[in-house]
Amino acid sequence: MISCKKLISLQDLDLKIDSVRAQIEEKKQKFARMQSDIQEEAKLNEKKSALLKKIQVRKRQFESDLNVHTDKLKTIKLKMKNAGVLPSVYVALEKEADTLKKQVDELETKIIEDMEKLELLKADLDKNEKIVNGRNEHLLLVKQRTQEEIKKLNGEIEILKTQRSQETLSIDTFILEKYEELRHTKNGEIIFGVDILACPKCGMGFSAGFQNLLKSHDDGEFCPNCGVFLYWTGNRE
């Protein structure tokens, strides 16, 4: 037989401590998620900024190539206007001029496309930067509030721990050690009042002998399967 009644109030305190600790962890996780989301947005902005620089470099190269091709085209046109140019040479120059015109048109199109891309990227970056800055400011406020809330919750835990220490003074050492061992190895509740013929923790059905033992007194027994504390609260007939 195990006196469970003294352990019930101890378990209530432990469950309250668990609950407060879970609240603290939830607040920490919520803040961490906010921080992670902002960091991801900042990384995305960095990628967009790198892309913008890449397009700017490419656009400058296109502009440089355009200047070179335009100068070549001007030179060829001047040569074609030369009265002494041979017909065969003129045909060759005309063919080269056509190729250069096509290349100039392609470069101008690429430059215009890059200008449009740069305009959209700059607008997007400016917008996102403002959003990230605003969220960082909000994050600082949330951090301060979260720290204050966690400090208050830690204070509640200290009060509960003091009450717990006082509660353990009246509990038999062997029972307390067994309780602490179960608390360490199993999550949540480990003391159960039962009025059904199965363990609420592991679900294992009770043998006839254990049923009779459990119903025979007001104290408790260890579950034969998982070892939690059980005491009978149902009809004893």
Protein backbone atom coordinates (compact mmCIF):
# COMPACT_ATOMS: atom_id res chain seq x y z
CA MET A 1 0.00 0.00 0.00
CA ILE A 2 1.17 3.48 -0.83
CA SER A 3 -0.21 6.66 0.68
CA CYS A 4 -1.03 8.69 -2.43
CA LYS A 5 -3.07 11.42 -0.83
CA LYS A 6 -0.03 13.36 0.37
CA LEU A 7 1.46 13.11 -3.12
CA ILE A 8 -1.61 14.56 -4.83
CA SER A 9 -0.99 18.10 -3.60
CA LEU A 10 2.71 17.72 -4.52
CA GLN A 11 1.74 16.62 -8.02
CA ASP A 12 -0.67 19.58 -8.31
CA LEU A 13 2.24 21.92 -7.57
CA ASP A 14 4.49 20.13 -10.06
CA LEU A 15 1.84 20.29 -12.77
CA LYS A 16 1.44 24.01 -12.10
CA ILE A 17 5.24 24.43 -12.40
CA ASP A 18 5.16 22.45 -15.65
CA SER A 19 2.37 24.68 -16.94
CA VAL A 20 4.25 27.89 -16.12
CA ARG A 21 7.44 26.53 -17.69
CA ALA A 22 5.44 25.64 -20.81
CA GLN A 23 4.17 29.24 -20.93
CA ILE A 24 7.75 30.51 -20.71
CA GLU A 25 8.88 28.16 -23.49
CA GLU A 26 5.94 29.19 -25.66
CA LYS A 27 6.82 32.87 -25.25
CA LYS A 28 10.47 32.15 -26.08
CA GLN A 29 9.48 30.15 -29.15
CA LYS A 30 7.06 32.85 -30.31
CA PHE A 31 9.78 35.50 -30.03
CA ALA A 32 12.28 33.21 -31.77
CA ARG A 33 9.84 32.66 -34.65
CA MET A 34 9.31 36.41 -35.03
CA GLN A 35 13.06 36.97 -35.03
CA SER A 36 13.61 34.16 -37.53
CA ASP A 37 10.92 35.53 -39.87
CA ILE A 38 12.54 38.97 -39.85
CA GLN A 39 15.97 37.46 -40.47
CA GLU A 40 14.57 35.51 -43.43
CA GLU A 41 13.08 38.72 -44.84
CA ALA A 42 16.42 40.47 -44.39
CA LYS A 43 18.20 37.59 -46.18
CA LEU A 44 15.69 37.81 -49.01
CA ASN A 45 16.39 41.53 -49.30
CA GLU A 46 20.12 40.79 -49.41
CA LYS A 47 19.54 38.37 -52.30
CA LYS A 48 17.42 40.95 -54.12
CA SER A 49 20.10 43.58 -53.50
CA ALA A 50 22.75 41.22 -54.92
CA LEU A 51 20.54 40.60 -57.94
CA LEU A 52 20.10 44.34 -58.41
CA LYS A 53 23.87 44.85 -58.42
CA LYS A 54 24.27 41.98 -60.88
CA ILE A 55 21.73 43.53 -63.25
CA GLN A 56 23.40 46.94 -62.89
CA VAL A 57 26.77 45.43 -63.88
CA ARG A 58 25.16 43.60 -66.79
CA LYS A 59 23.36 46.75 -67.93
CA ARG A 60 26.61 48.72 -67.89
CA GLN A 61 28.23 46.00 -70.01
CA PHE A 62 25.32 46.14 -72.45
CA GLU A 63 25.68 49.94 -72.63
CA SER A 64 29.42 49.61 -73.23
CA ASP A 65 28.83 47.02 -75.97
CA LEU A 66 26.15 49.27 -77.47
CA ASN A 67 28.58 52.20 -77.65
CA VAL A 68 31.19 49.99 -79.35
CA HIS A 69 28.69 48.62 -81.87
CA THR A 70 27.22 52.07 -82.54
CA ASP A 71 30.68 53.51 -83.22
CA LYS A 72 31.48 50.62 -85.56
CA LEU A 73 28.18 51.15 -87.36
CA LYS A 74 28.93 54.85 -87.83
CA THR A 75 32.37 54.02 -89.22
CA ILE A 76 30.93 51.49 -91.67
CA LYS A 77 28.29 53.95 -92.86
CA LEU A 78 31.00 56.51 -93.52
CA LYS A 79 32.96 53.95 -95.52
CA MET A 80 29.86 53.06 -97.53
CA LYS A 81 29.44 56.75 -98.48
CA ASN A 82 32.94 56.79 -99.94
CA ALA A 83 32.57 57.26 -103.72
CA GLY A 84 35.56 55.06 -104.48
CA VAL A 85 34.40 51.98 -102.61
CA LEU A 86 34.30 48.86 -104.75
CA PRO A 87 30.91 47.11 -105.23
CA SER A 88 32.13 43.90 -103.57
CA VAL A 89 33.46 45.86 -100.63
CA TYR A 90 30.20 47.82 -100.42
CA VAL A 91 28.19 44.57 -100.24
CA ALA A 92 30.43 43.27 -97.47
CA LEU A 93 30.10 46.55 -95.54
CA GLU A 94 26.35 46.50 -96.02
CA LYS A 95 26.17 42.95 -94.67
CA GLU A 96 28.31 43.90 -91.65
CA ALA A 97 26.16 46.99 -91.07
CA ASP A 98 22.99 44.85 -91.05
CA THR A 99 24.54 42.50 -88.50
CA LEU A 100 25.57 45.45 -86.32
CA LYS A 101 22.10 47.02 -86.58
CA LYS A 102 20.59 43.76 -85.39
CA GLN A 103 23.05 43.60 -82.49
CA VAL A 104 22.37 47.25 -81.61
CA ASP A 105 18.61 46.60 -81.57
CA GLU A 106 19.09 43.54 -79.34
CA LEU A 107 21.32 45.47 -76.94
CA GLU A 108 18.87 48.36 -76.74
CA THR A 109 16.05 45.90 -75.96
CA LYS A 110 18.14 44.22 -73.24
CA ILE A 111 19.04 47.60 -71.74
CA ILE A 112 15.38 48.65 -71.63
CA GLU A 113 14.40 45.31 -70.04
CA ASP A 114 17.13 45.68 -67.41
CA MET A 115 16.05 49.26 -66.70
CA GLU A 116 12.51 48.01 -66.03
CA LYS A 117 13.82 45.19 -63.82
CA LEU A 118 16.00 47.61 -61.87
CA GLU A 119 13.11 49.99 -61.35
CA LEU A 120 10.89 47.20 -59.97
CA LEU A 121 13.68 45.79 -57.79
CA LYS A 122 14.55 49.20 -56.33
CA ALA A 123 10.90 49.87 -55.49
CA ASP A 124 10.55 46.41 -53.95
CA LEU A 125 13.76 46.78 -51.93
CA ASP A 126 12.74 50.21 -50.61
CA LYS A 127 9.35 48.83 -49.57
CA ASN A 128 10.81 45.69 -47.95
CA GLU A 129 13.50 47.67 -46.16
CA LYS A 130 10.85 49.86 -44.55
CA ILE A 131 8.88 46.75 -43.56
CA VAL A 132 11.94 45.04 -42.03
CA ASN A 133 12.93 48.21 -40.16
CA GLY A 134 9.39 48.51 -38.79
CA ARG A 135 9.34 44.88 -37.73
CA ASN A 136 12.74 45.21 -36.07
CA GLU A 137 11.42 48.13 -34.03
CA HIS A 138 8.36 46.08 -33.10
CA LEU A 139 10.61 43.12 -32.25
CA LEU A 140 12.49 45.24 -29.69
CA LEU A 141 9.21 46.10 -27.99
CA VAL A 142 8.13 42.45 -28.05
CA LYS A 143 11.51 41.41 -26.63
CA GLN A 144 11.18 43.83 -23.73
CA ARG A 145 7.60 42.75 -23.03
CA THR A 146 8.52 39.06 -23.30
CA GLN A 147 11.44 39.47 -20.89
CA GLU A 148 9.15 41.16 -18.37
CA GLU A 149 6.51 38.43 -18.73
CA ILE A 150 9.11 35.66 -18.37
CA LYS A 151 10.56 37.36 -15.29
CA LYS A 152 7.09 37.42 -13.74
CA LEU A 153 6.50 33.76 -14.61
CA ASN A 154 9.88 32.79 -13.14
CA GLY A 155 8.77 34.54 -9.96
CA GLU A 156 5.65 32.37 -9.93
CA ILE A 157 7.82 29.27 -10.33
CA GLU A 158 9.96 30.27 -7.34
CA ILE A 159 6.84 30.64 -5.18
CA LEU A 160 5.57 27.24 -6.33
CA LYS A 161 8.98 25.67 -5.66
CA THR A 162 8.94 27.05 -2.11
CA GLN A 163 5.47 25.57 -1.57
CA ARG A 164 6.71 22.31 -3.06
CA SER A 165 9.68 22.14 -0.70
CA GLN A 166 7.36 22.57 2.26
CA GLU A 167 5.04 19.88 0.92
CA THR A 168 7.85 17.29 0.62
CA LEU A 169 8.67 17.56 4.34
CA SER A 170 5.67 15.44 5.30
CA ILE A 171 6.21 12.71 2.69
CA ASP A 172 8.00 9.43 3.35
CA THR A 173 11.48 9.38 1.81
CA PHE A 174 10.97 6.14 -0.13
CA ILE A 175 7.66 7.30 -1.59
CA LEU A 176 9.13 10.71 -2.42
CA GLU A 177 12.11 9.13 -4.19
CA LYS A 178 9.79 6.87 -6.19
CA TYR A 179 7.64 9.86 -7.07
CA GLU A 180 10.68 11.88 -8.18
CA GLU A 181 11.91 8.94 -10.25
CA LEU A 182 8.57 8.65 -12.03
CA ARG A 183 8.44 12.41 -12.58
CA HIS A 184 11.88 12.17 -14.18
CA THR A 185 11.05 9.26 -16.49
CA LYS A 186 7.41 10.03 -17.39
CA ASN A 187 5.77 13.18 -18.63
CA GLY A 188 2.86 14.89 -16.92
CA GLU A 189 0.53 13.27 -14.41
CA ILE A 190 1.72 10.15 -12.55
CA ILE A 191 -0.90 9.84 -9.77
CA PHE A 192 -4.37 8.73 -10.80
CA GLY A 193 -7.61 8.09 -9.03
CA VAL A 194 -9.30 5.30 -11.01
CA ASP A 195 -12.84 3.95 -11.21
CA ILE A 196 -12.21 1.82 -14.29
CA LEU A 197 -10.27 -1.41 -14.59
CA ALA A 198 -7.40 -0.05 -16.67
CA CYS A 199 -4.45 2.29 -16.11
CA PRO A 200 -5.15 5.85 -17.38
CA LYS A 201 -1.43 6.30 -18.15
CA CYS A 202 -0.56 3.18 -20.16
CA GLY A 203 -4.03 1.78 -20.89
CA MET A 204 -3.17 -1.70 -19.59
CA GLY A 205 -6.12 -3.62 -18.12
CA PHE A 206 -5.88 -4.80 -14.52
CA SER A 207 -5.77 -8.46 -13.57
CA ALA A 208 -8.48 -9.74 -11.21
CA GLY A 209 -5.95 -9.99 -8.39
CA PHE A 210 -4.75 -6.41 -8.83
CA GLN A 211 -8.33 -5.16 -9.08
CA ASN A 212 -9.18 -6.76 -5.76
CA LEU A 213 -5.99 -5.39 -4.18
CA LEU A 214 -6.67 -1.86 -5.45
CA LYS A 215 -10.27 -1.91 -4.23
CA SER A 216 -9.37 -3.33 -0.82
CA HIS A 217 -8.00 -0.11 0.73
CA ASP A 218 -8.00 3.67 0.47
CA ASP A 219 -4.30 3.98 -0.24
CA GLY A 220 -2.64 3.37 -3.59
CA GLU A 221 -0.62 0.84 -5.57
CA PHE A 222 1.89 1.00 -8.40
CA CYS A 223 0.56 0.12 -11.85
CA PRO A 224 1.97 -3.38 -12.61
CA ASN A 225 2.78 -2.28 -16.17
CA CYS A 226 4.06 1.33 -16.14
CA GLY A 227 4.61 1.94 -12.42
CA VAL A 228 2.48 5.08 -11.88
CA PHE A 229 0.58 5.63 -8.63
CA LEU A 230 -3.03 4.43 -8.66
CA TYR A 231 -5.79 4.61 -6.03
CA TRP A 232 -9.38 3.44 -6.28
CA THR A 233 -12.21 5.98 -6.38
CA GLY A 234 -15.03 3.78 -7.68
CA ASN A 235 -17.56 1.46 -6.11
CA ARG A 236 -15.90 -1.15 -3.86
CA GLU A 237 -18.67 -3.75 -4.06
